[in-house]
Amino acid sequence: MALPALRIEDCVNATCPWSGKPVSADSLTLYRGRVVGFCNPGCRDKFVAAQSAFDAALDQPIGA
């Protein structure tokens, strides 16, 4: 099943967390059920990669 289209109107932030520039409608992602915006797809992809790495680290047993 396809995810619903993300809308800039639903974005929880007005500026990119990486650059501080205004968010762009083509650079949105879903995080913990909320729409988060970025200034460009590169910043969005950097966030998704960091999120994935962090989530993977949390899934590892302590001391692994």
N, C-alpha and C. Protein backbone atom coordinates (compact mmCIF):
# COMPACT_ATOMS: atom_id res chain seq x y z
N MET A 1 0.84 -1.17 0.00
CA MET A 1 0.00 0.00 0.00
C MET A 1 0.89 1.24 0.00
N ALA A 2 0.59 2.20 -0.85
CA ALA A 2 1.39 3.42 -0.97
C ALA A 2 1.11 4.37 0.19
N LEU A 3 2.14 5.07 0.60
CA LEU A 3 1.98 6.08 1.64
C LEU A 3 1.24 7.29 1.06
N PRO A 4 0.46 7.98 1.89
CA PRO A 4 -0.19 9.19 1.38
C PRO A 4 0.85 10.25 1.05
N ALA A 5 0.51 11.11 0.12
CA ALA A 5 1.42 12.20 -0.26
C ALA A 5 1.64 13.11 0.95
N LEU A 6 2.88 13.49 1.18
CA LEU A 6 3.20 14.40 2.27
C LEU A 6 2.95 15.82 1.82
N ARG A 7 2.36 16.61 2.70
CA ARG A 7 2.00 17.99 2.34
C ARG A 7 2.78 18.98 3.22
N ILE A 8 3.27 20.03 2.60
CA ILE A 8 4.03 21.03 3.33
C ILE A 8 3.17 21.69 4.41
N GLU A 9 1.86 21.73 4.19
CA GLU A 9 0.95 22.30 5.18
C GLU A 9 0.95 21.52 6.49
N ASP A 10 1.33 20.25 6.42
CA ASP A 10 1.35 19.39 7.60
C ASP A 10 2.72 19.36 8.29
N CYS A 11 3.67 20.07 7.74
CA CYS A 11 5.05 20.06 8.24
C CYS A 11 5.12 20.68 9.64
N VAL A 12 5.89 20.05 10.53
CA VAL A 12 6.02 20.55 11.91
C VAL A 12 7.07 21.64 12.05
N ASN A 13 7.85 21.88 11.00
CA ASN A 13 8.91 22.89 11.07
C ASN A 13 8.87 23.78 9.84
N ALA A 14 9.31 25.01 10.01
CA ALA A 14 9.34 25.97 8.89
C ALA A 14 10.73 26.09 8.27
N THR A 15 11.76 25.70 9.04
CA THR A 15 13.13 25.79 8.54
C THR A 15 13.82 24.43 8.64
N CYS A 16 14.75 24.21 7.75
CA CYS A 16 15.51 22.97 7.68
C CYS A 16 16.36 22.80 8.94
N PRO A 17 16.29 21.64 9.59
CA PRO A 17 17.12 21.41 10.78
C PRO A 17 18.62 21.41 10.49
N TRP A 18 19.02 21.12 9.26
CA TRP A 18 20.43 21.09 8.91
C TRP A 18 20.95 22.48 8.53
N SER A 19 20.20 23.20 7.67
CA SER A 19 20.73 24.45 7.12
C SER A 19 20.12 25.72 7.69
N GLY A 20 18.91 25.62 8.23
CA GLY A 20 18.19 26.79 8.72
C GLY A 20 17.43 27.54 7.63
N LYS A 21 17.50 27.03 6.40
CA LYS A 21 16.78 27.63 5.27
C LYS A 21 15.31 27.17 5.30
N PRO A 22 14.43 27.88 4.62
CA PRO A 22 13.02 27.47 4.57
C PRO A 22 12.85 26.07 3.97
N VAL A 23 11.86 25.34 4.46
CA VAL A 23 11.60 24.00 3.93
C VAL A 23 10.99 24.08 2.54
N SER A 24 11.14 23.00 1.79
CA SER A 24 10.65 22.91 0.42
C SER A 24 9.68 21.74 0.32
N ALA A 25 8.63 21.90 -0.46
CA ALA A 25 7.59 20.88 -0.61
C ALA A 25 8.13 19.57 -1.19
N ASP A 26 9.25 19.61 -1.91
CA ASP A 26 9.80 18.37 -2.49
C ASP A 26 10.81 17.69 -1.57
N SER A 27 10.89 18.16 -0.32
CA SER A 27 11.92 17.65 0.59
C SER A 27 11.32 17.30 1.95
N LEU A 28 10.22 16.57 1.93
CA LEU A 28 9.53 16.19 3.16
C LEU A 28 9.75 14.72 3.45
N THR A 29 9.68 14.35 4.73
CA THR A 29 9.73 12.95 5.13
C THR A 29 8.82 12.77 6.33
N LEU A 30 8.55 11.52 6.63
CA LEU A 30 7.73 11.18 7.78
C LEU A 30 8.65 10.68 8.88
N TYR A 31 8.52 11.24 10.08
CA TYR A 31 9.33 10.82 11.22
C TYR A 31 8.41 10.72 12.43
N ARG A 32 8.32 9.52 12.99
CA ARG A 32 7.46 9.25 14.15
C ARG A 32 6.04 9.75 13.92
N GLY A 33 5.56 9.54 12.70
CA GLY A 33 4.20 9.88 12.35
C GLY A 33 3.96 11.35 12.03
N ARG A 34 5.01 12.15 11.99
CA ARG A 34 4.88 13.59 11.71
C ARG A 34 5.65 13.94 10.46
N VAL A 35 5.17 14.95 9.75
CA VAL A 35 5.85 15.42 8.54
C VAL A 35 6.94 16.41 8.95
N VAL A 36 8.17 16.12 8.52
CA VAL A 36 9.32 16.98 8.79
C VAL A 36 9.85 17.47 7.45
N GLY A 37 10.16 18.76 7.37
CA GLY A 37 10.62 19.35 6.12
C GLY A 37 12.08 19.74 6.14
N PHE A 38 12.66 19.77 4.94
CA PHE A 38 14.06 20.13 4.73
C PHE A 38 14.13 21.08 3.55
N CYS A 39 15.25 21.76 3.39
CA CYS A 39 15.38 22.75 2.33
C CYS A 39 15.60 22.12 0.96
N ASN A 40 16.11 20.90 0.93
CA ASN A 40 16.34 20.22 -0.34
C ASN A 40 16.38 18.71 -0.09
N PRO A 41 16.27 17.89 -1.15
CA PRO A 41 16.28 16.45 -0.97
C PRO A 41 17.57 15.92 -0.34
N GLY A 42 18.70 16.59 -0.55
CA GLY A 42 19.96 16.15 0.05
C GLY A 42 19.91 16.21 1.57
N CYS A 43 19.38 17.30 2.11
CA CYS A 43 19.25 17.41 3.57
C CYS A 43 18.27 16.36 4.10
N ARG A 44 17.16 16.17 3.37
CA ARG A 44 16.19 15.15 3.77
C ARG A 44 16.85 13.78 3.79
N ASP A 45 17.60 13.44 2.76
CA ASP A 45 18.23 12.13 2.68
C ASP A 45 19.29 11.95 3.76
N LYS A 46 20.00 13.03 4.11
CA LYS A 46 20.98 12.97 5.19
C LYS A 46 20.29 12.64 6.52
N PHE A 47 19.12 13.25 6.75
CA PHE A 47 18.35 12.98 7.95
C PHE A 47 17.87 11.53 7.99
N VAL A 48 17.36 11.04 6.87
CA VAL A 48 16.86 9.67 6.81
C VAL A 48 18.00 8.69 7.09
N ALA A 49 19.18 8.94 6.54
CA ALA A 49 20.34 8.07 6.76
C ALA A 49 20.76 8.10 8.23
N ALA A 50 20.80 9.28 8.82
CA ALA A 50 21.20 9.40 10.23
C ALA A 50 20.17 8.71 11.12
N GLN A 51 18.90 8.87 10.80
CA GLN A 51 17.84 8.23 11.56
C GLN A 51 17.97 6.71 11.48
N SER A 52 18.20 6.19 10.30
CA SER A 52 18.34 4.75 10.11
C SER A 52 19.53 4.20 10.88
N ALA A 53 20.66 4.92 10.84
CA ALA A 53 21.85 4.47 11.56
C ALA A 53 21.61 4.49 13.07
N PHE A 54 20.95 5.51 13.56
CA PHE A 54 20.67 5.61 14.98
C PHE A 54 19.71 4.51 15.42
N ASP A 55 18.65 4.30 14.65
CA ASP A 55 17.69 3.24 14.97
C ASP A 55 18.37 1.87 14.98
N ALA A 56 19.27 1.62 14.03
CA ALA A 56 19.99 0.35 13.98
C ALA A 56 20.88 0.18 15.21
N ALA A 57 21.53 1.27 15.64
CA ALA A 57 22.38 1.20 16.83
C ALA A 57 21.55 0.90 18.07
N LEU A 58 20.36 1.45 18.15
CA LEU A 58 19.50 1.19 19.32
C LEU A 58 19.01 -0.25 19.36
N ASP A 59 18.95 -0.90 18.19
CA ASP A 59 18.49 -2.28 18.13
C ASP A 59 19.56 -3.27 18.54
N GLN A 60 20.81 -2.83 18.63
CA GLN A 60 21.92 -3.70 19.01
C GLN A 60 21.94 -3.93 20.51
N PRO A 61 22.30 -5.14 20.94
CA PRO A 61 22.43 -5.36 22.39
C PRO A 61 23.56 -4.50 22.96
N ILE A 62 23.44 -4.11 24.19
CA ILE A 62 24.47 -3.32 24.85
C ILE A 62 25.76 -4.12 24.89
N GLY A 63 26.85 -3.46 24.50
CA GLY A 63 28.16 -4.10 24.50
C GLY A 63 28.47 -4.88 23.22
N ALA A 64 27.55 -4.84 22.25
CA ALA A 64 27.78 -5.59 21.00
C ALA A 64 28.69 -4.82 20.08
